[in-house]
Every structure is written in C-alpha cells, then in structure tokens.
C-alpha cells in the first residue's frame, strides 16, 4: 500500500510540473505574439509617417501641443 501512495504522489507531482511548464510556455508564446503585433504596428505607422508629405501636428482640445 505504501508503494501505491508514493507512486500516486510522484504522478501528481509530475503532472503539476507539466501543467506549470505548459502554462509558462503559453505565457511565453502570448508575450512573443503581442511583441510581434506591436512591432508590426510600429512599422506600419512609421511607414505612414515617413511617407507623409504634409506637416502633422498633434494638439489637445485647447489648441496646445
């Protein structure tokens, strides 16, 4: 009976470790995806502004920069 309990604990510990590893891998993947999306967005807006021939200024509702 003691061997069964030890085996069960080992299986649970191994499963918890695998679940933690999977969760970390998912978080890493999400972070890389978000980073790539941000990079693409920055490149897109950089291309737009680099190719603008007109002057652009940002002002608040009171007319200040």
PDB file of N, CA and C in Angstrom:
ATOM      1  N   UNK A   1       0.819  -1.193   0.000  1.00  0.00           N
ATOM      2  CA  UNK A   1       0.000   0.000   0.000  1.00  0.00           C
ATOM      3  C   UNK A   1       0.865   1.259   0.000  1.00  0.00           C
ATOM      4  N   UNK A   2       1.966   1.225   0.705  1.00  0.00           N
ATOM      5  CA  UNK A   2       2.843   2.389   0.764  1.00  0.00           C
ATOM      6  C   UNK A   2       3.406   2.707  -0.615  1.00  0.00           C
ATOM      7  N   UNK A   3       3.763   1.706  -1.380  1.00  0.00           N
ATOM      8  CA  UNK A   3       4.281   1.922  -2.731  1.00  0.00           C
ATOM      9  C   UNK A   3       3.253   2.602  -3.620  1.00  0.00           C
ATOM     10  N   UNK A   4       1.996   2.262  -3.450  1.00  0.00           N
ATOM     11  CA  UNK A   4       0.930   2.870  -4.255  1.00  0.00           C
ATOM     12  C   UNK A   4       0.805   4.355  -3.956  1.00  0.00           C
ATOM     13  N   UNK A   5       0.887   4.724  -2.704  1.00  0.00           N
ATOM     14  CA  UNK A   5       0.772   6.130  -2.318  1.00  0.00           C
ATOM     15  C   UNK A   5       1.941   6.936  -2.856  1.00  0.00           C
ATOM     16  N   UNK A   6       3.133   6.387  -2.805  1.00  0.00           N
ATOM     17  CA  UNK A   6       4.319   7.082  -3.314  1.00  0.00           C
ATOM     18  C   UNK A   6       4.222   7.255  -4.822  1.00  0.00           C
ATOM     19  N   UNK A   7       3.779   6.224  -5.509  1.00  0.00           N
ATOM     20  CA  UNK A   7       3.617   6.306  -6.963  1.00  0.00           C
ATOM     21  C   UNK A   7       2.587   7.360  -7.325  1.00  0.00           C
ATOM     22  N   UNK A   8       1.485   7.398  -6.605  1.00  0.00           N
ATOM     23  CA  UNK A   8       0.435   8.382  -6.850  1.00  0.00           C
ATOM     24  C   UNK A   8       0.963   9.796  -6.628  1.00  0.00           C
ATOM     25  N   UNK A   9       1.702  10.016  -5.558  1.00  0.00           N
ATOM     26  CA  UNK A   9       2.275  11.334  -5.288  1.00  0.00           C
ATOM     27  C   UNK A   9       3.259  11.739  -6.375  1.00  0.00           C
ATOM     28  N   UNK A  10       4.063  10.790  -6.833  1.00  0.00           N
ATOM     29  CA  UNK A  10       5.007  11.081  -7.913  1.00  0.00           C
ATOM     30  C   UNK A  10       4.269  11.463  -9.189  1.00  0.00           C
ATOM     31  N   UNK A  11       3.188  10.746  -9.505  1.00  0.00           N
ATOM     32  CA  UNK A  11       2.412  11.047 -10.704  1.00  0.00           C
ATOM     33  C   UNK A  11       1.768  12.428 -10.610  1.00  0.00           C
ATOM     34  N   UNK A  12       1.233  12.760  -9.448  1.00  0.00           N
ATOM     35  CA  UNK A  12       0.620  14.076  -9.253  1.00  0.00           C
ATOM     36  C   UNK A  12       1.675  15.169  -9.367  1.00  0.00           C
ATOM     37  N   UNK A  13       2.826  14.965  -8.755  1.00  0.00           N
ATOM     38  CA  UNK A  13       3.901  15.956  -8.826  1.00  0.00           C
ATOM     39  C   UNK A  13       4.375  16.153 -10.260  1.00  0.00           C
ATOM     40  N   UNK A  14       4.512  15.057 -10.989  1.00  0.00           N
ATOM     41  CA  UNK A  14       4.946  15.153 -12.385  1.00  0.00           C
ATOM     42  C   UNK A  14       3.898  15.882 -13.214  1.00  0.00           C
ATOM     43  N   UNK A  15       2.629  15.587 -12.972  1.00  0.00           N
ATOM     44  CA  UNK A  15       1.556  16.261 -13.716  1.00  0.00           C
ATOM     45  C   UNK A  15       1.538  17.752 -13.401  1.00  0.00           C
ATOM     46  N   UNK A  16       1.674  18.111 -12.123  1.00  0.00           N
ATOM     47  CA  UNK A  16       1.690  19.531 -11.753  1.00  0.00           C
ATOM     48  C   UNK A  16       2.857  20.249 -12.415  1.00  0.00           C
ATOM     49  N   UNK A  17       4.007  19.612 -12.467  1.00  0.00           N
ATOM     50  CA  UNK A  17       5.180  20.202 -13.115  1.00  0.00           C
ATOM     51  C   UNK A  17       4.912  20.405 -14.600  1.00  0.00           C
ATOM     52  N   UNK A  18       4.321  19.410 -15.257  1.00  0.00           N
ATOM     53  CA  UNK A  18       3.990  19.535 -16.677  1.00  0.00           C
ATOM     54  C   UNK A  18       2.974  20.654 -16.908  1.00  0.00           C
ATOM     55  N   UNK A  19       1.983  20.762 -16.025  1.00  0.00           N
ATOM     56  CA  UNK A  19       0.986  21.830 -16.153  1.00  0.00           C
ATOM     57  C   UNK A  19       1.637  23.199 -15.989  1.00  0.00           C
ATOM     58  N   UNK A  20       2.548  23.326 -15.036  1.00  0.00           N
ATOM     59  CA  UNK A  20       3.265  24.589 -14.840  1.00  0.00           C
ATOM     60  C   UNK A  20       4.121  24.924 -16.055  1.00  0.00           C
ATOM     61  N   UNK A  21       4.805  23.922 -16.587  1.00  0.00           N
ATOM     62  CA  UNK A  21       5.632  24.135 -17.783  1.00  0.00           C
ATOM     63  C   UNK A  21       4.772  24.555 -18.971  1.00  0.00           C
ATOM     64  N   UNK A  22       3.621  23.913 -19.135  1.00  0.00           N
ATOM     65  CA  UNK A  22       2.711  24.260 -20.229  1.00  0.00           C
ATOM     66  C   UNK A  22       2.189  25.680 -20.066  1.00  0.00           C
ATOM     67  N   UNK A  23       1.819  26.043 -18.861  1.00  0.00           N
ATOM     68  CA  UNK A  23       1.336  27.397 -18.595  1.00  0.00           C
ATOM     69  C   UNK A  23       2.413  28.429 -18.910  1.00  0.00           C
ATOM     70  N   UNK A  24       3.638  28.156 -18.513  1.00  0.00           N
ATOM     71  CA  UNK A  24       4.747  29.074 -18.791  1.00  0.00           C
ATOM     72  C   UNK A  24       4.995  29.182 -20.291  1.00  0.00           C
ATOM     73  N   UNK A  25       4.928  28.058 -20.989  1.00  0.00           N
ATOM     74  CA  UNK A  25       5.121  28.070 -22.441  1.00  0.00           C
ATOM     75  C   UNK A  25       4.022  28.877 -23.125  1.00  0.00           C
ATOM     76  N   UNK A  26       2.787  28.739 -22.646  1.00  0.00           N
ATOM     77  CA  UNK A  26       1.679  29.511 -23.213  1.00  0.00           C
ATOM     78  C   UNK A  26       1.885  31.007 -22.965  1.00  0.00           C
ATOM     79  N   UNK A  27       2.323  31.364 -21.772  1.00  0.00           N
ATOM     80  CA  UNK A  27       2.592  32.771 -21.457  1.00  0.00           C
ATOM     81  C   UNK A  27       3.714  33.325 -22.328  1.00  0.00           C
ATOM     82  N   UNK A  28       4.756  32.534 -22.518  1.00  0.00           N
ATOM     83  CA  UNK A  28       5.871  32.961 -23.370  1.00  0.00           C
ATOM     84  C   UNK A  28       5.407  33.172 -24.805  1.00  0.00           C
ATOM     85  N   UNK A  29       4.594  32.249 -25.305  1.00  0.00           N
ATOM     86  CA  UNK A  29       4.074  32.360 -26.670  1.00  0.00           C
ATOM     87  C   UNK A  29       3.208  33.605 -26.818  1.00  0.00           C
ATOM     88  N   UNK A  30       2.337  33.846 -25.859  1.00  0.00           N
ATOM     89  CA  UNK A  30       1.479  35.027 -25.897  1.00  0.00           C
ATOM     90  C   UNK A  30       2.318  36.298 -25.877  1.00  0.00           C
ATOM     91  N   UNK A  31       3.339  36.337 -25.043  1.00  0.00           N
ATOM     92  CA  UNK A  31       4.218  37.509 -24.980  1.00  0.00           C
ATOM     93  C   UNK A  31       4.909  37.752 -26.315  1.00  0.00           C
ATOM     94  N   UNK A  32       5.385  36.684 -26.945  1.00  0.00           N
ATOM     95  CA  UNK A  32       6.040  36.829 -28.256  1.00  0.00           C
ATOM     96  C   UNK A  32       5.053  37.302 -29.311  1.00  0.00           C
ATOM     97  N   UNK A  33       3.817  36.787 -29.259  1.00  0.00           N
ATOM     98  CA  UNK A  33       2.804  37.207 -30.227  1.00  0.00           C
ATOM     99  C   UNK A  33       2.453  38.681 -30.051  1.00  0.00           C
ATOM    100  N   UNK A  34       2.286  39.116 -28.819  1.00  0.00           N
ATOM    101  CA  UNK A  34       1.965  40.518 -28.547  1.00  0.00           C
ATOM    102  C   UNK A  34       3.124  41.409 -28.978  1.00  0.00           C
ATOM    103  N   UNK A  35       4.333  40.991 -28.688  1.00  0.00           N
ATOM    104  CA  UNK A  35       5.522  41.753 -29.092  1.00  0.00           C
ATOM    105  C   UNK A  35       5.594  41.881 -30.614  1.00  0.00           C
ATOM    106  N   UNK A  36       5.312  40.806 -31.320  1.00  0.00           N
ATOM    107  CA  UNK A  36       5.336  40.832 -32.787  1.00  0.00           C
ATOM    108  C   UNK A  36       4.237  41.740 -33.333  1.00  0.00           C
ATOM    109  N   UNK A  37       3.062  41.690 -32.731  1.00  0.00           N
ATOM    110  CA  UNK A  37       1.972  42.571 -33.168  1.00  0.00           C
ATOM    111  C   UNK A  37       2.340  44.038 -32.952  1.00  0.00           C
ATOM    112  N   UNK A  38       2.950  44.337 -31.820  1.00  0.00           N
ATOM    113  CA  UNK A  38       3.379  45.706 -31.544  1.00  0.00           C
ATOM    114  C   UNK A  38       4.432  46.154 -32.545  1.00  0.00           C
ATOM    115  N   UNK A  39       5.381  45.286 -32.834  1.00  0.00           N
ATOM    116  CA  UNK A  39       6.429  45.602 -33.805  1.00  0.00           C
ATOM    117  C   UNK A  39       5.825  45.895 -35.176  1.00  0.00           C
ATOM    118  N   UNK A  40       4.878  45.062 -35.610  1.00  0.00           N
ATOM    119  CA  UNK A  40       4.231  45.271 -36.907  1.00  0.00           C
ATOM    120  C   UNK A  40       3.462  46.589 -36.925  1.00  0.00           C
ATOM    121  N   UNK A  41       2.779  46.897 -35.835  1.00  0.00           N
ATOM    122  CA  UNK A  41       2.026  48.148 -35.746  1.00  0.00           C
ATOM    123  C   UNK A  41       2.962  49.350 -35.807  1.00  0.00           C
ATOM    124  N   UNK A  42       4.060  49.292 -35.075  1.00  0.00           N
ATOM    125  CA  UNK A  42       5.037  50.385 -35.102  1.00  0.00           C
ATOM    126  C   UNK A  42       5.603  50.572 -36.500  1.00  0.00           C
ATOM    127  N   UNK A  43       5.921  49.470 -37.169  1.00  0.00           N
ATOM    128  CA  UNK A  43       6.464  49.562 -38.531  1.00  0.00           C
ATOM    129  C   UNK A  43       5.436  50.171 -39.484  1.00  0.00           C
ATOM    130  N   UNK A  44       4.180  49.765 -39.346  1.00  0.00           N
ATOM    131  CA  UNK A  44       3.123  50.282 -40.215  1.00  0.00           C
ATOM    132  C   UNK A  44       2.976  51.800 -40.039  1.00  0.00           C
ATOM    133  N   UNK A  45       2.908  52.263 -38.805  1.00  0.00           N
ATOM    134  CA  UNK A  45       2.755  53.702 -38.567  1.00  0.00           C
ATOM    135  C   UNK A  45       4.023  54.477 -38.919  1.00  0.00           C
ATOM    136  N   UNK A  46       5.170  53.856 -38.755  1.00  0.00           N
ATOM    137  CA  UNK A  46       6.418  54.505 -39.159  1.00  0.00           C
ATOM    138  C   UNK A  46       6.440  54.700 -40.673  1.00  0.00           C
ATOM    139  N   UNK A  47       6.012  53.677 -41.417  1.00  0.00           N
ATOM    140  CA  UNK A  47       5.949  53.809 -42.883  1.00  0.00           C
ATOM    141  C   UNK A  47       4.967  54.905 -43.288  1.00  0.00           C
ATOM    142  N   UNK A  48       3.832  54.970 -42.628  1.00  0.00           N
ATOM    143  CA  UNK A  48       2.836  56.003 -42.943  1.00  0.00           C
ATOM    144  C   UNK A  48       3.425  57.383 -42.707  1.00  0.00           C
ATOM    145  N   UNK A  49       4.015  57.594 -41.545  1.00  0.00           N
ATOM    146  CA  UNK A  49       4.535  58.929 -41.230  1.00  0.00           C
ATOM    147  C   UNK A  49       5.774  59.263 -42.047  1.00  0.00           C
ATOM    148  N   UNK A  50       6.599  58.284 -42.352  1.00  0.00           N
ATOM    149  CA  UNK A  50       7.790  58.548 -43.163  1.00  0.00           C
ATOM    150  C   UNK A  50       7.428  58.960 -44.582  1.00  0.00           C
ATOM    151  N   UNK A  51       6.278  58.507 -45.070  1.00  0.00           N
ATOM    152  CA  UNK A  51       5.879  58.800 -46.437  1.00  0.00           C
ATOM    153  C   UNK A  51       4.894  59.962 -46.552  1.00  0.00           C
ATOM    154  N   UNK A  52       4.648  60.638 -45.458  1.00  0.00           N
ATOM    155  CA  UNK A  52       3.730  61.783 -45.498  1.00  0.00           C
ATOM    156  C   UNK A  52       4.469  63.002 -46.026  1.00  0.00           C
ATOM    157  N   UNK A  53       3.806  63.720 -46.902  1.00  0.00           N
ATOM    158  CA  UNK A  53       4.427  64.937 -47.432  1.00  0.00           C
ATOM    159  C   UNK A  53       3.911  66.179 -46.714  1.00  0.00           C
ATOM    160  N   UNK A  54       2.844  66.052 -45.968  1.00  0.00           N
ATOM    161  CA  UNK A  54       2.277  67.192 -45.249  1.00  0.00           C
ATOM    162  C   UNK A  54       2.795  67.231 -43.818  1.00  0.00           C
ATOM    163  N   UNK A  55       2.708  68.413 -43.235  1.00  0.00           N
ATOM    164  CA  UNK A  55       3.096  68.603 -41.845  1.00  0.00           C
ATOM    165  C   UNK A  55       1.956  68.113 -40.957  1.00  0.00           C
ATOM    166  N   UNK A  56       2.284  67.371 -39.925  1.00  0.00           N
ATOM    167  CA  UNK A  56       1.278  66.873 -38.993  1.00  0.00           C
ATOM    168  C   UNK A  56       1.671  67.322 -37.600  1.00  0.00           C
ATOM    169  N   UNK A  57       0.688  67.834 -36.867  1.00  0.00           N
ATOM    170  CA  UNK A  57       0.927  68.270 -35.500  1.00  0.00           C
ATOM    171  C   UNK A  57      -0.199  67.749 -34.626  1.00  0.00           C
ATOM    172  N   UNK A  58       0.143  67.345 -33.439  1.00  0.00           N
ATOM    173  CA  UNK A  58      -0.860  66.852 -32.503  1.00  0.00           C
ATOM    174  C   UNK A  58      -1.142  67.946 -31.489  1.00  0.00           C
ATOM    175  N   UNK A  59      -2.418  68.265 -31.305  1.00  0.00           N
ATOM    176  CA  UNK A  59      -2.793  69.291 -30.332  1.00  0.00           C
ATOM    177  C   UNK A  59      -3.931  68.774 -29.464  1.00  0.00           C
ATOM    178  N   UNK A  60      -4.044  69.348 -28.278  1.00  0.00           N
ATOM    179  CA  UNK A  60      -5.136  68.962 -27.395  1.00  0.00           C
ATOM    180  C   UNK A  60      -6.374  69.804 -27.721  1.00  0.00           C
ATOM    181  N   UNK A  61      -7.508  69.545 -27.059  1.00  0.00           N
ATOM    182  CA  UNK A  61      -8.735  70.296 -27.360  1.00  0.00           C
ATOM    183  C   UNK A  61      -8.610  71.807 -27.154  1.00  0.00           C
ATOM    184  N   UNK A  62      -7.637  72.245 -26.363  1.00  0.00           N
ATOM    185  CA  UNK A  62      -7.434  73.683 -26.139  1.00  0.00           C
ATOM    186  C   UNK A  62      -6.485  74.293 -27.163  1.00  0.00           C
ATOM    187  N   UNK A  63      -6.031  73.491 -28.093  1.00  0.00           N
ATOM    188  CA  UNK A  63      -5.157  74.006 -29.144  1.00  0.00           C
ATOM    189  C   UNK A  63      -3.689  74.049 -28.776  1.00  0.00           C
ATOM    190  N   UNK A  64      -3.305  73.342 -27.731  1.00  0.00           N
ATOM    191  CA  UNK A  64      -1.899  73.322 -27.310  1.00  0.00           C
ATOM    192  C   UNK A  64      -1.227  72.031 -27.752  1.00  0.00           C
ATOM    193  N   UNK A  65       0.086  72.105 -27.949  1.00  0.00           N
ATOM    194  CA  UNK A  65       0.864  70.914 -28.319  1.00  0.00           C
ATOM    195  C   UNK A  65       1.114  70.047 -27.128  1.00  0.00           C
TER     196      UNK A  65
END
